[in-house]
């Protein structure tokens, strides 16, 4: 693979097929040391949903309650 003049890289067809990537799909890219990691956004979202599948209740509600308690403590003292 070569990097084009505008920094573009073409993902070979066999890798796109293996990842199930289609034109217009979004990918997530990050650095791990000296490696550039690319995953389909769909795969990353599925992994994140699976991590929180067992969580009951609302994490947002818990955070709001915690912030309100902190604000009350600060107001008292």
PDB file of N, CA and C in Angstrom:
ATOM      1  N   UNK A   1       0.844  -1.175   0.000  1.00  0.00           N
ATOM      2  CA  UNK A   1       0.000   0.000   0.000  1.00  0.00           C
ATOM      3  C   UNK A   1       0.888   1.236   0.000  1.00  0.00           C
ATOM      4  N   UNK A   2       0.399   2.255  -0.633  1.00  0.00           N
ATOM      5  CA  UNK A   2       1.110   3.530  -0.653  1.00  0.00           C
ATOM      6  C   UNK A   2       0.182   4.634  -0.179  1.00  0.00           C
ATOM      7  N   UNK A   3       0.779   5.645   0.393  1.00  0.00           N
ATOM      8  CA  UNK A   3       0.024   6.816   0.801  1.00  0.00           C
ATOM      9  C   UNK A   3       0.010   7.782  -0.374  1.00  0.00           C
ATOM     10  N   UNK A   4      -1.186   8.200  -0.776  1.00  0.00           N
ATOM     11  CA  UNK A   4      -1.339   9.111  -1.902  1.00  0.00           C
ATOM     12  C   UNK A   4      -0.926  10.525  -1.551  1.00  0.00           C
ATOM     13  N   UNK A   5      -0.925  11.408  -2.545  1.00  0.00           N
ATOM     14  CA  UNK A   5      -0.456  12.779  -2.341  1.00  0.00           C
ATOM     15  C   UNK A   5      -1.250  13.557  -1.295  1.00  0.00           C
ATOM     16  N   UNK A   6      -2.484  13.217  -1.073  1.00  0.00           N
ATOM     17  CA  UNK A   6      -3.281  13.915  -0.057  1.00  0.00           C
ATOM     18  C   UNK A   6      -3.405  13.096   1.231  1.00  0.00           C
ATOM     19  N   UNK A   7      -2.504  12.134   1.406  1.00  0.00           N
ATOM     20  CA  UNK A   7      -2.502  11.311   2.615  1.00  0.00           C
ATOM     21  C   UNK A   7      -3.517  10.188   2.591  1.00  0.00           C
ATOM     22  N   UNK A   8      -4.073   9.901   1.438  1.00  0.00           N
ATOM     23  CA  UNK A   8      -5.098   8.857   1.340  1.00  0.00           C
ATOM     24  C   UNK A   8      -4.465   7.484   1.163  1.00  0.00           C
ATOM     25  N   UNK A   9      -5.146   6.500   1.752  1.00  0.00           N
ATOM     26  CA  UNK A   9      -4.724   5.109   1.622  1.00  0.00           C
ATOM     27  C   UNK A   9      -5.943   4.322   1.127  1.00  0.00           C
ATOM     28  N   UNK A  10      -5.746   3.485   0.140  1.00  0.00           N
ATOM     29  CA  UNK A  10      -6.818   2.634  -0.355  1.00  0.00           C
ATOM     30  C   UNK A  10      -6.756   1.303   0.384  1.00  0.00           C
ATOM     31  N   UNK A  11      -7.875   0.899   0.967  1.00  0.00           N
ATOM     32  CA  UNK A  11      -7.937  -0.380   1.671  1.00  0.00           C
ATOM     33  C   UNK A  11      -8.195  -1.455   0.621  1.00  0.00           C
ATOM     34  N   UNK A  12      -7.311  -2.431   0.508  1.00  0.00           N
ATOM     35  CA  UNK A  12      -7.504  -3.483  -0.492  1.00  0.00           C
ATOM     36  C   UNK A  12      -8.848  -4.196  -0.321  1.00  0.00           C
ATOM     37  N   UNK A  13      -9.413  -4.608  -1.440  1.00  0.00           N
ATOM     38  CA  UNK A  13     -10.743  -5.217  -1.465  1.00  0.00           C
ATOM     39  C   UNK A  13     -10.857  -6.410  -0.523  1.00  0.00           C
ATOM     40  N   UNK A  14      -9.836  -7.259  -0.443  1.00  0.00           N
ATOM     41  CA  UNK A  14      -9.955  -8.448   0.411  1.00  0.00           C
ATOM     42  C   UNK A  14     -10.116  -8.062   1.885  1.00  0.00           C
ATOM     43  N   UNK A  15      -9.493  -6.960   2.293  1.00  0.00           N
ATOM     44  CA  UNK A  15      -9.639  -6.507   3.682  1.00  0.00           C
ATOM     45  C   UNK A  15     -10.987  -5.837   3.895  1.00  0.00           C
ATOM     46  N   UNK A  16     -11.455  -5.063   2.917  1.00  0.00           N
ATOM     47  CA  UNK A  16     -12.777  -4.456   3.025  1.00  0.00           C
ATOM     48  C   UNK A  16     -13.842  -5.537   3.142  1.00  0.00           C
ATOM     49  N   UNK A  17     -13.725  -6.580   2.319  1.00  0.00           N
ATOM     50  CA  UNK A  17     -14.696  -7.685   2.387  1.00  0.00           C
ATOM     51  C   UNK A  17     -14.628  -8.381   3.740  1.00  0.00           C
ATOM     52  N   UNK A  18     -13.417  -8.639   4.218  1.00  0.00           N
ATOM     53  CA  UNK A  18     -13.253  -9.330   5.503  1.00  0.00           C
ATOM     54  C   UNK A  18     -13.884  -8.542   6.648  1.00  0.00           C
ATOM     55  N   UNK A  19     -13.840  -7.225   6.551  1.00  0.00           N
ATOM     56  CA  UNK A  19     -14.412  -6.376   7.596  1.00  0.00           C
ATOM     57  C   UNK A  19     -15.861  -5.997   7.319  1.00  0.00           C
ATOM     58  N   UNK A  20     -16.358  -6.391   6.168  1.00  0.00           N
ATOM     59  CA  UNK A  20     -17.729  -6.054   5.807  1.00  0.00           C
ATOM     60  C   UNK A  20     -17.923  -4.581   5.520  1.00  0.00           C
ATOM     61  N   UNK A  21     -16.876  -3.911   5.053  1.00  0.00           N
ATOM     62  CA  UNK A  21     -16.948  -2.475   4.778  1.00  0.00           C
ATOM     63  C   UNK A  21     -17.475  -2.217   3.376  1.00  0.00           C
ATOM     64  N   UNK A  22     -18.378  -1.265   3.282  1.00  0.00           N
ATOM     65  CA  UNK A  22     -18.961  -0.846   2.019  1.00  0.00           C
ATOM     66  C   UNK A  22     -18.645   0.631   1.810  1.00  0.00           C
ATOM     67  N   UNK A  23     -18.696   1.100   0.570  1.00  0.00           N
ATOM     68  CA  UNK A  23     -18.500   2.539   0.334  1.00  0.00           C
ATOM     69  C   UNK A  23     -19.456   3.363   1.190  1.00  0.00           C
ATOM     70  N   UNK A  24     -18.931   4.376   1.841  1.00  0.00           N
ATOM     71  CA  UNK A  24     -19.736   5.242   2.702  1.00  0.00           C
ATOM     72  C   UNK A  24     -19.765   4.828   4.154  1.00  0.00           C
ATOM     73  N   UNK A  25     -19.315   3.603   4.473  1.00  0.00           N
ATOM     74  CA  UNK A  25     -19.264   3.176   5.870  1.00  0.00           C
ATOM     75  C   UNK A  25     -18.278   4.050   6.637  1.00  0.00           C
ATOM     76  N   UNK A  26     -18.523   4.181   7.928  1.00  0.00           N
ATOM     77  CA  UNK A  26     -17.617   4.937   8.779  1.00  0.00           C
ATOM     78  C   UNK A  26     -16.680   3.983   9.504  1.00  0.00           C
ATOM     79  N   UNK A  27     -15.462   4.435   9.731  1.00  0.00           N
ATOM     80  CA  UNK A  27     -14.487   3.660  10.482  1.00  0.00           C
ATOM     81  C   UNK A  27     -13.974   4.516  11.635  1.00  0.00           C
ATOM     82  N   UNK A  28     -13.465   3.852  12.650  1.00  0.00           N
ATOM     83  CA  UNK A  28     -12.860   4.504  13.797  1.00  0.00           C
ATOM     84  C   UNK A  28     -11.373   4.168  13.736  1.00  0.00           C
ATOM     85  N   UNK A  29     -10.538   5.186  13.899  1.00  0.00           N
ATOM     86  CA  UNK A  29      -9.097   5.003  13.764  1.00  0.00           C
ATOM     87  C   UNK A  29      -8.412   5.585  14.998  1.00  0.00           C
ATOM     88  N   UNK A  30      -7.430   4.855  15.544  1.00  0.00           N
ATOM     89  CA  UNK A  30      -6.654   5.363  16.666  1.00  0.00           C
ATOM     90  C   UNK A  30      -5.255   4.776  16.615  1.00  0.00           C
ATOM     91  N   UNK A  31      -4.368   5.384  17.410  1.00  0.00           N
ATOM     92  CA  UNK A  31      -2.988   4.919  17.499  1.00  0.00           C
ATOM     93  C   UNK A  31      -2.816   4.023  18.711  1.00  0.00           C
ATOM     94  N   UNK A  32      -2.095   2.936  18.533  1.00  0.00           N
ATOM     95  CA  UNK A  32      -1.645   2.076  19.630  1.00  0.00           C
ATOM     96  C   UNK A  32      -0.149   1.941  19.460  1.00  0.00           C
ATOM     97  N   UNK A  33       0.587   2.762  20.187  1.00  0.00           N
ATOM     98  CA  UNK A  33       2.036   2.779  20.018  1.00  0.00           C
ATOM     99  C   UNK A  33       2.379   3.255  18.619  1.00  0.00           C
ATOM    100  N   UNK A  34       3.066   2.405  17.856  1.00  0.00           N
ATOM    101  CA  UNK A  34       3.431   2.775  16.485  1.00  0.00           C
ATOM    102  C   UNK A  34       2.481   2.169  15.461  1.00  0.00           C
ATOM    103  N   UNK A  35       1.307   1.717  15.920  1.00  0.00           N
ATOM    104  CA  UNK A  35       0.327   1.092  15.029  1.00  0.00           C
ATOM    105  C   UNK A  35      -0.879   1.993  14.837  1.00  0.00           C
ATOM    106  N   UNK A  36      -1.391   2.006  13.633  1.00  0.00           N
ATOM    107  CA  UNK A  36      -2.640   2.671  13.323  1.00  0.00           C
ATOM    108  C   UNK A  36      -3.704   1.584  13.256  1.00  0.00           C
ATOM    109  N   UNK A  37      -4.704   1.670  14.126  1.00  0.00           N
ATOM    110  CA  UNK A  37      -5.753   0.658  14.197  1.00  0.00           C
ATOM    111  C   UNK A  37      -7.020   1.235  13.574  1.00  0.00           C
ATOM    112  N   UNK A  38      -7.657   0.440  12.719  1.00  0.00           N
ATOM    113  CA  UNK A  38      -8.891   0.866  12.073  1.00  0.00           C
ATOM    114  C   UNK A  38      -9.938  -0.221  12.274  1.00  0.00           C
ATOM    115  N   UNK A  39     -11.112   0.187  12.768  1.00  0.00           N
ATOM    116  CA  UNK A  39     -12.226  -0.744  12.934  1.00  0.00           C
ATOM    117  C   UNK A  39     -13.479  -0.091  12.388  1.00  0.00           C
ATOM    118  N   UNK A  40     -14.405  -0.903  11.970  1.00  0.00           N
ATOM    119  CA  UNK A  40     -15.663  -0.326  11.503  1.00  0.00           C
ATOM    120  C   UNK A  40     -16.372   0.299  12.703  1.00  0.00           C
ATOM    121  N   UNK A  41     -17.023   1.414  12.450  1.00  0.00           N
ATOM    122  CA  UNK A  41     -17.769   2.066  13.526  1.00  0.00           C
ATOM    123  C   UNK A  41     -18.829   1.123  14.066  1.00  0.00           C
ATOM    124  N   UNK A  42     -19.451   0.370  13.192  1.00  0.00           N
ATOM    125  CA  UNK A  42     -20.487  -0.593  13.583  1.00  0.00           C
ATOM    126  C   UNK A  42     -19.929  -1.583  14.610  1.00  0.00           C
ATOM    127  N   UNK A  43     -18.736  -2.122  14.353  1.00  0.00           N
ATOM    128  CA  UNK A  43     -18.136  -3.096  15.273  1.00  0.00           C
ATOM    129  C   UNK A  43     -17.818  -2.466  16.622  1.00  0.00           C
ATOM    130  N   UNK A  44     -17.328  -1.234  16.609  1.00  0.00           N
ATOM    131  CA  UNK A  44     -17.014  -0.540  17.857  1.00  0.00           C
ATOM    132  C   UNK A  44     -18.285  -0.284  18.655  1.00  0.00           C
ATOM    133  N   UNK A  45     -19.344   0.168  17.967  1.00  0.00           N
ATOM    134  CA  UNK A  45     -20.611   0.404  18.659  1.00  0.00           C
ATOM    135  C   UNK A  45     -21.168  -0.881  19.265  1.00  0.00           C
ATOM    136  N   UNK A  46     -21.119  -1.976  18.526  1.00  0.00           N
ATOM    137  CA  UNK A  46     -21.619  -3.253  19.042  1.00  0.00           C
ATOM    138  C   UNK A  46     -20.850  -3.685  20.281  1.00  0.00           C
ATOM    139  N   UNK A  47     -19.529  -3.486  20.252  1.00  0.00           N
ATOM    140  CA  UNK A  47     -18.706  -3.844  21.407  1.00  0.00           C
ATOM    141  C   UNK A  47     -19.064  -2.991  22.620  1.00  0.00           C
ATOM    142  N   UNK A  48     -19.270  -1.706  22.415  1.00  0.00           N
ATOM    143  CA  UNK A  48     -19.628  -0.821  23.525  1.00  0.00           C
ATOM    144  C   UNK A  48     -21.004  -1.166  24.093  1.00  0.00           C
ATOM    145  N   UNK A  49     -21.983  -1.428  23.216  1.00  0.00           N
ATOM    146  CA  UNK A  49     -23.307  -1.817  23.700  1.00  0.00           C
ATOM    147  C   UNK A  49     -23.221  -3.099  24.521  1.00  0.00           C
ATOM    148  N   UNK A  50     -22.395  -4.043  24.086  1.00  0.00           N
ATOM    149  CA  UNK A  50     -22.249  -5.303  24.812  1.00  0.00           C
ATOM    150  C   UNK A  50     -21.649  -5.071  26.203  1.00  0.00           C
ATOM    151  N   UNK A  51     -20.720  -4.129  26.308  1.00  0.00           N
ATOM    152  CA  UNK A  51     -20.109  -3.826  27.607  1.00  0.00           C
ATOM    153  C   UNK A  51     -21.141  -3.338  28.623  1.00  0.00           C
ATOM    154  N   UNK A  52     -22.137  -2.604  28.143  1.00  0.00           N
ATOM    155  CA  UNK A  52     -23.114  -2.011  29.052  1.00  0.00           C
ATOM    156  C   UNK A  52     -24.451  -2.745  29.055  1.00  0.00           C
ATOM    157  N   UNK A  53     -24.521  -3.896  28.410  1.00  0.00           N
ATOM    158  CA  UNK A  53     -25.780  -4.636  28.312  1.00  0.00           C
ATOM    159  C   UNK A  53     -26.311  -5.058  29.681  1.00  0.00           C
ATOM    160  N   UNK A  54     -25.437  -5.349  30.608  1.00  0.00           N
ATOM    161  CA  UNK A  54     -25.851  -5.832  31.931  1.00  0.00           C
ATOM    162  C   UNK A  54     -26.166  -4.704  32.907  1.00  0.00           C
ATOM    163  N   UNK A  55     -25.912  -3.469  32.519  1.00  0.00           N
ATOM    164  CA  UNK A  55     -26.134  -2.339  33.421  1.00  0.00           C
ATOM    165  C   UNK A  55     -27.630  -2.075  33.547  1.00  0.00           C
ATOM    166  N   UNK A  56     -28.076  -2.003  34.790  1.00  0.00           N
ATOM    167  CA  UNK A  56     -29.484  -1.702  35.032  1.00  0.00           C
ATOM    168  C   UNK A  56     -29.607  -0.236  35.415  1.00  0.00           C
ATOM    169  N   UNK A  57     -30.716   0.365  35.068  1.00  0.00           N
ATOM    170  CA  UNK A  57     -30.936   1.765  35.401  1.00  0.00           C
ATOM    171  C   UNK A  57     -30.253   2.668  34.393  1.00  0.00           C
ATOM    172  N   UNK A  58     -30.166   3.916  34.753  1.00  0.00           N
ATOM    173  CA  UNK A  58     -29.603   4.916  33.863  1.00  0.00           C
ATOM    174  C   UNK A  58     -28.318   5.475  34.449  1.00  0.00           C
ATOM    175  N   UNK A  59     -27.225   5.323  33.715  1.00  0.00           N
ATOM    176  CA  UNK A  59     -25.962   5.896  34.171  1.00  0.00           C
ATOM    177  C   UNK A  59     -26.054   7.419  34.213  1.00  0.00           C
ATOM    178  N   UNK A  60     -26.810   7.992  33.291  1.00  0.00           N
ATOM    179  CA  UNK A  60     -26.983   9.446  33.273  1.00  0.00           C
ATOM    180  C   UNK A  60     -27.709   9.906  34.533  1.00  0.00           C
ATOM    181  N   UNK A  61     -28.765   9.187  34.929  1.00  0.00           N
ATOM    182  CA  UNK A  61     -29.493   9.546  36.144  1.00  0.00           C
ATOM    183  C   UNK A  61     -28.599   9.439  37.372  1.00  0.00           C
ATOM    184  N   UNK A  62     -27.780   8.412  37.429  1.00  0.00           N
ATOM    185  CA  UNK A  62     -26.858   8.260  38.556  1.00  0.00           C
ATOM    186  C   UNK A  62     -25.886   9.423  38.616  1.00  0.00           C
ATOM    187  N   UNK A  63     -25.362   9.840  37.471  1.00  0.00           N
ATOM    188  CA  UNK A  63     -24.421  10.952  37.418  1.00  0.00           C
ATOM    189  C   UNK A  63     -25.095  12.245  37.862  1.00  0.00           C
ATOM    190  N   UNK A  64     -26.318  12.480  37.412  1.00  0.00           N
ATOM    191  CA  UNK A  64     -27.049  13.685  37.801  1.00  0.00           C
ATOM    192  C   UNK A  64     -27.271  13.703  39.315  1.00  0.00           C
ATOM    193  N   UNK A  65     -27.678  12.561  39.885  1.00  0.00           N
ATOM    194  CA  UNK A  65     -27.883  12.492  41.329  1.00  0.00           C
ATOM    195  C   UNK A  65     -26.589  12.773  42.083  1.00  0.00           C
ATOM    196  N   UNK A  66     -25.494  12.220  41.604  1.00  0.00           N
ATOM    197  CA  UNK A  66     -24.195  12.436  42.239  1.00  0.00           C
ATOM    198  C   UNK A  66     -23.814  13.915  42.193  1.00  0.00           C
ATOM    199  N   UNK A  67     -24.027  14.548  41.059  1.00  0.00           N
ATOM    200  CA  UNK A  67     -23.697  15.975  40.915  1.00  0.00           C
ATOM    201  C   UNK A  67     -24.560  16.833  41.838  1.00  0.00           C
ATOM    202  N   UNK A  68     -25.831  16.461  41.985  1.00  0.00           N
ATOM    203  CA  UNK A  68     -26.713  17.214  42.878  1.00  0.00           C
ATOM    204  C   UNK A  68     -26.259  17.084  44.325  1.00  0.00           C
ATOM    205  N   UNK A  69     -25.846  15.873  44.737  1.00  0.00           N
ATOM    206  CA  UNK A  69     -25.328  15.690  46.096  1.00  0.00           C
ATOM    207  C   UNK A  69     -24.073  16.521  46.321  1.00  0.00           C
ATOM    208  N   UNK A  70     -23.201  16.540  45.331  1.00  0.00           N
ATOM    209  CA  UNK A  70     -21.979  17.345  45.435  1.00  0.00           C
ATOM    210  C   UNK A  70     -22.325  18.825  45.568  1.00  0.00           C
ATOM    211  N   UNK A  71     -23.287  19.304  44.772  1.00  0.00           N
ATOM    212  CA  UNK A  71     -23.678  20.707  44.822  1.00  0.00           C
ATOM    213  C   UNK A  71     -24.276  21.054  46.182  1.00  0.00           C
ATOM    214  N   UNK A  72     -25.074  20.145  46.758  1.00  0.00           N
ATOM    215  CA  UNK A  72     -25.648  20.376  48.073  1.00  0.00           C
ATOM    216  C   UNK A  72     -24.573  20.470  49.146  1.00  0.00           C
ATOM    217  N   UNK A  73     -23.573  19.585  49.074  1.00  0.00           N
ATOM    218  CA  UNK A  73     -22.474  19.624  50.035  1.00  0.00           C
ATOM    219  C   UNK A  73     -21.700  20.934  49.940  1.00  0.00           C
ATOM    220  N   UNK A  74     -21.457  21.377  48.696  1.00  0.00           N
ATOM    221  CA  UNK A  74     -20.739  22.636  48.509  1.00  0.00           C
ATOM    222  C   UNK A  74     -21.544  23.822  49.034  1.00  0.00           C
ATOM    223  N   UNK A  75     -22.852  23.795  48.843  1.00  0.00           N
ATOM    224  CA  UNK A  75     -23.718  24.886  49.304  1.00  0.00           C
ATOM    225  C   UNK A  75     -23.756  24.941  50.830  1.00  0.00           C
ATOM    226  N   UNK A  76     -23.634  23.782  51.485  1.00  0.00           N
ATOM    227  CA  UNK A  76     -23.690  23.725  52.944  1.00  0.00           C
ATOM    228  C   UNK A  76     -22.372  24.108  53.593  1.00  0.00           C
ATOM    229  N   UNK A  77     -21.323  24.050  52.805  1.00  0.00           N
ATOM    230  CA  UNK A  77     -20.167  24.280  53.467  1.00  0.00           C
ATOM    231  C   UNK A  77     -18.883  24.641  53.334  1.00  0.00           C
TER     232      UNK A  77
END
